[in-house]
Amino acid sequence: MTAERVNPPALSPPAGFSHAVVATGSRLVFLAGQTALGADGTITGATLPEQFARALDNLLTALRAAGGTPADLARVTVYATDVAGYRAHAAELGRIWRRAAGRDYPAMAVVEVVRLWDEQALVELDGVAVLP
């Protein structure tokens, strides 16, 4: 895939995301929402950063199984049960993202939700990747 990150100077500077991603490739991979579910089917981690790290790892595991890499992500949506808490942990979540996925940020959105499928889940990530 080739990905051009577009961040127009007329918009506020992005931090941890790109305003737009122009992706060229031949295969689309739609990644289902991933929470901090462990292999045993239970939520792991008590804090938002712990759950975010596991949910991101789960998302990247699915992506790699489909033949992709973090650089192939064109779009990620984060569903959080507490956006204020997400903002409070933004620096730490950014470090977790960079460690796992690098600095080629996809277009992203954070959406507050009342709850997720698993009641103990604090965060869920889904995405779209474009593979060569």
N, C-alpha and C. Protein backbone atom coordinates (compact mmCIF):
# COMPACT_ATOMS: atom_id res chain seq x y z
N MET A 1 0.84 -1.17 0.00
CA MET A 1 0.00 0.00 0.00
C MET A 1 0.88 1.24 0.00
N THR A 2 0.42 2.25 -0.66
CA THR A 2 1.01 3.56 -0.47
C THR A 2 -0.01 4.40 0.28
N ALA A 3 0.48 5.15 1.22
CA ALA A 3 -0.40 5.98 2.03
C ALA A 3 0.17 7.38 2.11
N GLU A 4 -0.63 8.32 1.70
CA GLU A 4 -0.24 9.72 1.80
C GLU A 4 -1.05 10.32 2.94
N ARG A 5 -0.35 10.76 3.97
CA ARG A 5 -1.02 11.43 5.08
C ARG A 5 -1.21 12.89 4.71
N VAL A 6 -2.43 13.39 4.80
CA VAL A 6 -2.75 14.76 4.40
C VAL A 6 -3.18 15.53 5.63
N ASN A 7 -2.41 16.56 5.95
CA ASN A 7 -2.69 17.40 7.11
C ASN A 7 -2.63 18.86 6.68
N PRO A 8 -3.74 19.40 6.17
CA PRO A 8 -3.75 20.76 5.63
C PRO A 8 -3.41 21.80 6.69
N PRO A 9 -2.63 22.81 6.31
CA PRO A 9 -2.28 23.85 7.27
C PRO A 9 -3.48 24.67 7.74
N ALA A 10 -4.59 24.60 7.01
CA ALA A 10 -5.80 25.34 7.42
C ALA A 10 -6.50 24.67 8.60
N LEU A 11 -6.12 23.42 8.94
CA LEU A 11 -6.70 22.72 10.08
C LEU A 11 -5.70 22.73 11.23
N SER A 12 -6.20 22.52 12.45
CA SER A 12 -5.30 22.49 13.59
C SER A 12 -4.31 21.34 13.42
N PRO A 13 -3.08 21.51 13.91
CA PRO A 13 -2.08 20.45 13.76
C PRO A 13 -2.56 19.17 14.45
N PRO A 14 -2.47 18.04 13.74
CA PRO A 14 -2.91 16.79 14.34
C PRO A 14 -1.90 16.27 15.36
N ALA A 15 -2.39 15.65 16.40
CA ALA A 15 -1.54 15.02 17.41
C ALA A 15 -2.03 13.60 17.59
N GLY A 16 -1.29 12.64 17.07
CA GLY A 16 -1.66 11.24 17.23
C GLY A 16 -2.66 10.75 16.20
N PHE A 17 -2.88 11.49 15.12
CA PHE A 17 -3.77 11.07 14.05
C PHE A 17 -3.42 11.87 12.81
N SER A 18 -3.96 11.49 11.68
CA SER A 18 -3.86 12.27 10.46
C SER A 18 -5.26 12.74 10.08
N HIS A 19 -5.35 13.95 9.52
CA HIS A 19 -6.66 14.46 9.11
C HIS A 19 -7.25 13.63 7.97
N ALA A 20 -6.40 13.19 7.06
CA ALA A 20 -6.86 12.37 5.94
C ALA A 20 -5.73 11.44 5.53
N VAL A 21 -6.10 10.30 4.99
CA VAL A 21 -5.14 9.35 4.46
C VAL A 21 -5.62 8.95 3.07
N VAL A 22 -4.78 9.18 2.08
CA VAL A 22 -5.08 8.74 0.72
C VAL A 22 -4.33 7.41 0.55
N ALA A 23 -5.09 6.32 0.47
CA ALA A 23 -4.49 4.99 0.42
C ALA A 23 -4.71 4.37 -0.95
N THR A 24 -3.65 3.82 -1.50
CA THR A 24 -3.72 3.14 -2.78
C THR A 24 -3.24 1.71 -2.58
N GLY A 25 -4.05 0.77 -2.96
CA GLY A 25 -3.69 -0.64 -2.83
C GLY A 25 -4.75 -1.47 -3.52
N SER A 26 -4.63 -2.77 -3.33
CA SER A 26 -5.57 -3.64 -4.04
C SER A 26 -6.49 -4.44 -3.13
N ARG A 27 -6.22 -4.44 -1.83
CA ARG A 27 -7.04 -5.22 -0.91
C ARG A 27 -7.45 -4.36 0.28
N LEU A 28 -8.74 -4.37 0.59
CA LEU A 28 -9.23 -3.71 1.79
C LEU A 28 -9.39 -4.75 2.88
N VAL A 29 -8.98 -4.40 4.09
CA VAL A 29 -9.17 -5.27 5.25
C VAL A 29 -10.01 -4.49 6.25
N PHE A 30 -11.18 -5.01 6.56
CA PHE A 30 -12.05 -4.39 7.56
C PHE A 30 -11.84 -5.13 8.87
N LEU A 31 -11.37 -4.40 9.87
CA LEU A 31 -11.02 -5.00 11.15
C LEU A 31 -12.15 -4.80 12.15
N ALA A 32 -12.65 -5.89 12.68
CA ALA A 32 -13.73 -5.85 13.66
C ALA A 32 -13.27 -5.15 14.93
N GLY A 33 -14.22 -4.63 15.67
CA GLY A 33 -13.92 -4.00 16.94
C GLY A 33 -13.22 -4.96 17.87
N GLN A 34 -12.14 -4.47 18.48
CA GLN A 34 -11.36 -5.27 19.41
C GLN A 34 -11.31 -4.57 20.75
N THR A 35 -11.62 -5.32 21.79
CA THR A 35 -11.50 -4.82 23.15
C THR A 35 -10.30 -5.52 23.79
N ALA A 36 -10.21 -5.46 25.08
CA ALA A 36 -9.10 -6.06 25.81
C ALA A 36 -9.38 -7.52 26.16
N LEU A 37 -10.06 -8.22 25.27
CA LEU A 37 -10.35 -9.63 25.52
C LEU A 37 -9.08 -10.46 25.43
N GLY A 38 -8.88 -11.29 26.44
CA GLY A 38 -7.80 -12.26 26.40
C GLY A 38 -8.25 -13.49 25.64
N ALA A 39 -7.32 -14.40 25.43
CA ALA A 39 -7.63 -15.63 24.69
C ALA A 39 -8.73 -16.45 25.37
N ASP A 40 -8.90 -16.26 26.69
CA ASP A 40 -9.94 -16.99 27.42
C ASP A 40 -11.31 -16.34 27.33
N GLY A 41 -11.40 -15.20 26.61
CA GLY A 41 -12.69 -14.55 26.43
C GLY A 41 -13.09 -13.59 27.53
N THR A 42 -12.16 -13.26 28.42
CA THR A 42 -12.47 -12.30 29.48
C THR A 42 -11.63 -11.04 29.30
N ILE A 43 -12.17 -9.92 29.76
CA ILE A 43 -11.46 -8.64 29.67
C ILE A 43 -10.26 -8.66 30.60
N THR A 44 -9.13 -8.20 30.08
CA THR A 44 -7.91 -8.11 30.89
C THR A 44 -7.58 -6.64 31.11
N GLY A 45 -7.01 -6.33 32.23
CA GLY A 45 -6.62 -4.97 32.55
C GLY A 45 -7.73 -4.21 33.24
N ALA A 46 -7.36 -3.49 34.28
CA ALA A 46 -8.34 -2.73 35.04
C ALA A 46 -8.37 -1.26 34.65
N THR A 47 -7.28 -0.77 34.04
CA THR A 47 -7.19 0.65 33.71
C THR A 47 -7.37 0.86 32.21
N LEU A 48 -7.69 2.08 31.83
CA LEU A 48 -7.84 2.41 30.42
C LEU A 48 -6.54 2.15 29.64
N PRO A 49 -5.37 2.60 30.12
CA PRO A 49 -4.15 2.31 29.37
C PRO A 49 -3.89 0.80 29.21
N GLU A 50 -4.13 0.02 30.23
CA GLU A 50 -3.95 -1.44 30.11
C GLU A 50 -4.89 -2.02 29.06
N GLN A 51 -6.14 -1.60 29.12
CA GLN A 51 -7.11 -2.13 28.16
C GLN A 51 -6.83 -1.61 26.75
N PHE A 52 -6.41 -0.37 26.61
CA PHE A 52 -6.08 0.17 25.30
C PHE A 52 -4.94 -0.62 24.67
N ALA A 53 -3.90 -0.90 25.45
CA ALA A 53 -2.76 -1.66 24.95
C ALA A 53 -3.19 -3.03 24.45
N ARG A 54 -4.04 -3.71 25.20
CA ARG A 54 -4.50 -5.04 24.81
C ARG A 54 -5.41 -4.96 23.59
N ALA A 55 -6.32 -3.99 23.55
CA ALA A 55 -7.22 -3.84 22.41
C ALA A 55 -6.43 -3.54 21.14
N LEU A 56 -5.42 -2.67 21.24
CA LEU A 56 -4.58 -2.36 20.10
C LEU A 56 -3.80 -3.59 19.66
N ASP A 57 -3.27 -4.33 20.61
CA ASP A 57 -2.55 -5.57 20.27
C ASP A 57 -3.48 -6.55 19.55
N ASN A 58 -4.71 -6.67 20.03
CA ASN A 58 -5.68 -7.56 19.38
C ASN A 58 -5.98 -7.09 17.95
N LEU A 59 -6.15 -5.77 17.77
CA LEU A 59 -6.41 -5.22 16.44
C LEU A 59 -5.24 -5.52 15.50
N LEU A 60 -4.02 -5.29 15.98
CA LEU A 60 -2.84 -5.53 15.15
C LEU A 60 -2.62 -7.01 14.89
N THR A 61 -3.00 -7.87 15.82
CA THR A 61 -2.92 -9.31 15.60
C THR A 61 -3.83 -9.72 14.46
N ALA A 62 -5.06 -9.20 14.46
CA ALA A 62 -5.99 -9.50 13.36
C ALA A 62 -5.45 -8.96 12.04
N LEU A 63 -4.90 -7.75 12.06
CA LEU A 63 -4.34 -7.15 10.86
C LEU A 63 -3.19 -7.98 10.31
N ARG A 64 -2.29 -8.38 11.17
CA ARG A 64 -1.14 -9.20 10.72
C ARG A 64 -1.60 -10.55 10.17
N ALA A 65 -2.62 -11.14 10.80
CA ALA A 65 -3.14 -12.42 10.31
C ALA A 65 -3.73 -12.27 8.91
N ALA A 66 -4.20 -11.06 8.57
CA ALA A 66 -4.74 -10.78 7.24
C ALA A 66 -3.65 -10.37 6.25
N GLY A 67 -2.40 -10.32 6.73
CA GLY A 67 -1.28 -10.00 5.86
C GLY A 67 -0.84 -8.55 5.89
N GLY A 68 -1.33 -7.78 6.85
CA GLY A 68 -1.01 -6.37 6.90
C GLY A 68 -0.06 -6.00 8.02
N THR A 69 0.33 -4.74 8.03
CA THR A 69 1.19 -4.17 9.06
C THR A 69 0.52 -2.90 9.58
N PRO A 70 0.98 -2.36 10.70
CA PRO A 70 0.39 -1.12 11.21
C PRO A 70 0.43 0.03 10.20
N ALA A 71 1.44 0.08 9.35
CA ALA A 71 1.54 1.14 8.35
C ALA A 71 0.42 1.06 7.31
N ASP A 72 -0.25 -0.10 7.22
CA ASP A 72 -1.35 -0.27 6.26
C ASP A 72 -2.68 0.27 6.78
N LEU A 73 -2.74 0.65 8.05
CA LEU A 73 -3.99 1.17 8.61
C LEU A 73 -4.31 2.52 7.97
N ALA A 74 -5.50 2.62 7.42
CA ALA A 74 -5.95 3.88 6.83
C ALA A 74 -6.93 4.61 7.76
N ARG A 75 -7.67 3.84 8.57
CA ARG A 75 -8.71 4.42 9.43
C ARG A 75 -8.84 3.59 10.70
N VAL A 76 -8.92 4.25 11.84
CA VAL A 76 -9.18 3.58 13.12
C VAL A 76 -10.20 4.43 13.88
N THR A 77 -11.19 3.76 14.44
CA THR A 77 -12.14 4.42 15.32
C THR A 77 -11.96 3.85 16.72
N VAL A 78 -11.88 4.73 17.69
CA VAL A 78 -11.75 4.36 19.10
C VAL A 78 -13.08 4.66 19.76
N TYR A 79 -13.66 3.66 20.38
CA TYR A 79 -14.90 3.83 21.15
C TYR A 79 -14.51 3.76 22.61
N ALA A 80 -14.77 4.83 23.35
CA ALA A 80 -14.39 4.91 24.76
C ALA A 80 -15.63 5.17 25.61
N THR A 81 -15.68 4.52 26.77
CA THR A 81 -16.81 4.74 27.67
C THR A 81 -16.66 6.04 28.47
N ASP A 82 -15.48 6.67 28.39
CA ASP A 82 -15.23 7.91 29.12
C ASP A 82 -14.21 8.74 28.34
N VAL A 83 -14.69 9.66 27.50
CA VAL A 83 -13.77 10.46 26.70
C VAL A 83 -12.91 11.37 27.58
N ALA A 84 -13.46 11.88 28.67
CA ALA A 84 -12.66 12.71 29.58
C ALA A 84 -11.50 11.90 30.14
N GLY A 85 -11.75 10.65 30.51
CA GLY A 85 -10.69 9.77 30.98
C GLY A 85 -9.69 9.47 29.88
N TYR A 86 -10.19 9.30 28.66
CA TYR A 86 -9.31 9.05 27.51
C TYR A 86 -8.38 10.25 27.30
N ARG A 87 -8.94 11.44 27.36
CA ARG A 87 -8.12 12.66 27.21
C ARG A 87 -7.10 12.78 28.33
N ALA A 88 -7.49 12.41 29.54
CA ALA A 88 -6.57 12.49 30.68
C ALA A 88 -5.39 11.55 30.51
N HIS A 89 -5.58 10.46 29.80
CA HIS A 89 -4.51 9.47 29.56
C HIS A 89 -3.90 9.60 28.16
N ALA A 90 -4.21 10.68 27.44
CA ALA A 90 -3.82 10.80 26.03
C ALA A 90 -2.32 10.62 25.82
N ALA A 91 -1.49 11.21 26.65
CA ALA A 91 -0.03 11.09 26.46
C ALA A 91 0.41 9.63 26.59
N GLU A 92 -0.09 8.94 27.59
CA GLU A 92 0.27 7.53 27.78
C GLU A 92 -0.28 6.67 26.65
N LEU A 93 -1.51 6.94 26.22
CA LEU A 93 -2.09 6.17 25.11
C LEU A 93 -1.30 6.40 23.83
N GLY A 94 -0.83 7.62 23.64
CA GLY A 94 0.01 7.92 22.49
C GLY A 94 1.31 7.13 22.51
N ARG A 95 1.92 7.02 23.69
CA ARG A 95 3.16 6.21 23.80
C ARG A 95 2.89 4.75 23.50
N ILE A 96 1.75 4.24 23.97
CA ILE A 96 1.37 2.85 23.70
C ILE A 96 1.19 2.66 22.19
N TRP A 97 0.50 3.60 21.54
CA TRP A 97 0.28 3.51 20.10
C TRP A 97 1.61 3.49 19.35
N ARG A 98 2.49 4.46 19.66
CA ARG A 98 3.76 4.56 18.94
C ARG A 98 4.61 3.32 19.12
N ARG A 99 4.61 2.76 20.33
CA ARG A 99 5.38 1.55 20.60
C ARG A 99 4.86 0.37 19.77
N ALA A 100 3.57 0.27 19.63
CA ALA A 100 2.97 -0.89 18.93
C ALA A 100 2.80 -0.66 17.43
N ALA A 101 2.48 0.58 17.03
CA ALA A 101 2.07 0.82 15.64
C ALA A 101 2.92 1.86 14.91
N GLY A 102 3.81 2.54 15.62
CA GLY A 102 4.66 3.51 14.95
C GLY A 102 4.02 4.89 14.85
N ARG A 103 4.61 5.72 13.99
CA ARG A 103 4.20 7.12 13.87
C ARG A 103 3.45 7.42 12.58
N ASP A 104 3.18 6.42 11.75
CA ASP A 104 2.38 6.63 10.55
C ASP A 104 0.92 6.52 10.95
N TYR A 105 0.36 7.63 11.43
CA TYR A 105 -0.97 7.60 12.01
C TYR A 105 -2.06 7.50 10.93
N PRO A 106 -3.07 6.68 11.18
CA PRO A 106 -4.22 6.64 10.29
C PRO A 106 -5.15 7.82 10.60
N ALA A 107 -6.15 7.99 9.75
CA ALA A 107 -7.23 8.90 10.10
C ALA A 107 -7.94 8.26 11.30
N MET A 108 -8.25 9.04 12.31
CA MET A 108 -8.82 8.48 13.53
C MET A 108 -9.95 9.33 14.07
N ALA A 109 -10.80 8.68 14.85
CA ALA A 109 -11.84 9.37 15.60
C ALA A 109 -11.98 8.67 16.94
N VAL A 110 -12.32 9.44 17.96
CA VAL A 110 -12.65 8.89 19.28
C VAL A 110 -14.11 9.22 19.54
N VAL A 111 -14.89 8.20 19.85
CA VAL A 111 -16.32 8.35 20.06
C VAL A 111 -16.67 7.84 21.45
N GLU A 112 -17.39 8.64 22.23
CA GLU A 112 -17.84 8.17 23.54
C GLU A 112 -19.11 7.35 23.38
N VAL A 113 -19.13 6.22 24.06
CA VAL A 113 -20.29 5.33 24.03
C VAL A 113 -20.74 5.06 25.46
N VAL A 114 -22.00 4.71 25.61
CA VAL A 114 -22.55 4.44 26.94
C VAL A 114 -21.91 3.20 27.54
N ARG A 115 -21.78 2.16 26.71
CA ARG A 115 -21.12 0.93 27.15
C ARG A 115 -20.75 0.13 25.92
N LEU A 116 -19.92 -0.87 26.15
CA LEU A 116 -19.49 -1.76 25.08
C LEU A 116 -20.09 -3.14 25.31
N TRP A 117 -19.91 -4.04 24.36
CA TRP A 117 -20.51 -5.37 24.45
C TRP A 117 -20.17 -6.05 25.77
N ASP A 118 -18.89 -6.04 26.12
CA ASP A 118 -18.47 -6.58 27.42
C ASP A 118 -18.52 -5.43 28.43
N GLU A 119 -19.31 -5.58 29.45
CA GLU A 119 -19.53 -4.48 30.39
C GLU A 119 -18.26 -3.98 31.05
N GLN A 120 -17.25 -4.83 31.19
CA GLN A 120 -15.99 -4.42 31.83
C GLN A 120 -15.08 -3.66 30.87
N ALA A 121 -15.39 -3.68 29.57
CA ALA A 121 -14.55 -3.03 28.57
C ALA A 121 -14.67 -1.52 28.67
N LEU A 122 -13.52 -0.85 28.65
CA LEU A 122 -13.47 0.61 28.69
C LEU A 122 -13.21 1.22 27.32
N VAL A 123 -12.69 0.40 26.39
CA VAL A 123 -12.30 0.92 25.08
C VAL A 123 -12.39 -0.20 24.04
N GLU A 124 -12.71 0.20 22.82
CA GLU A 124 -12.76 -0.74 21.68
C GLU A 124 -12.20 -0.01 20.46
N LEU A 125 -11.42 -0.72 19.64
CA LEU A 125 -10.86 -0.14 18.43
C LEU A 125 -11.27 -0.98 17.23
N ASP A 126 -11.67 -0.32 16.15
CA ASP A 126 -11.88 -1.02 14.89
C ASP A 126 -11.15 -0.24 13.81
N GLY A 127 -11.03 -0.81 12.62
CA GLY A 127 -10.27 -0.10 11.61
C GLY A 127 -10.44 -0.66 10.21
N VAL A 128 -9.83 0.07 9.28
CA VAL A 128 -9.77 -0.33 7.88
C VAL A 128 -8.31 -0.20 7.46
N ALA A 129 -7.81 -1.22 6.80
CA ALA A 129 -6.45 -1.21 6.27
C ALA A 129 -6.51 -1.43 4.76
N VAL A 130 -5.52 -0.89 4.06
CA VAL A 130 -5.40 -1.08 2.62
C VAL A 130 -4.05 -1.76 2.38
N LEU A 131 -4.12 -2.96 1.81
CA LEU A 131 -2.91 -3.75 1.54
C LEU A 131 -2.55 -3.69 0.07
N PRO A 132 -1.27 -3.86 -0.23
CA PRO A 132 -0.84 -3.84 -1.64
C PRO A 132 -1.51 -4.94 -2.45
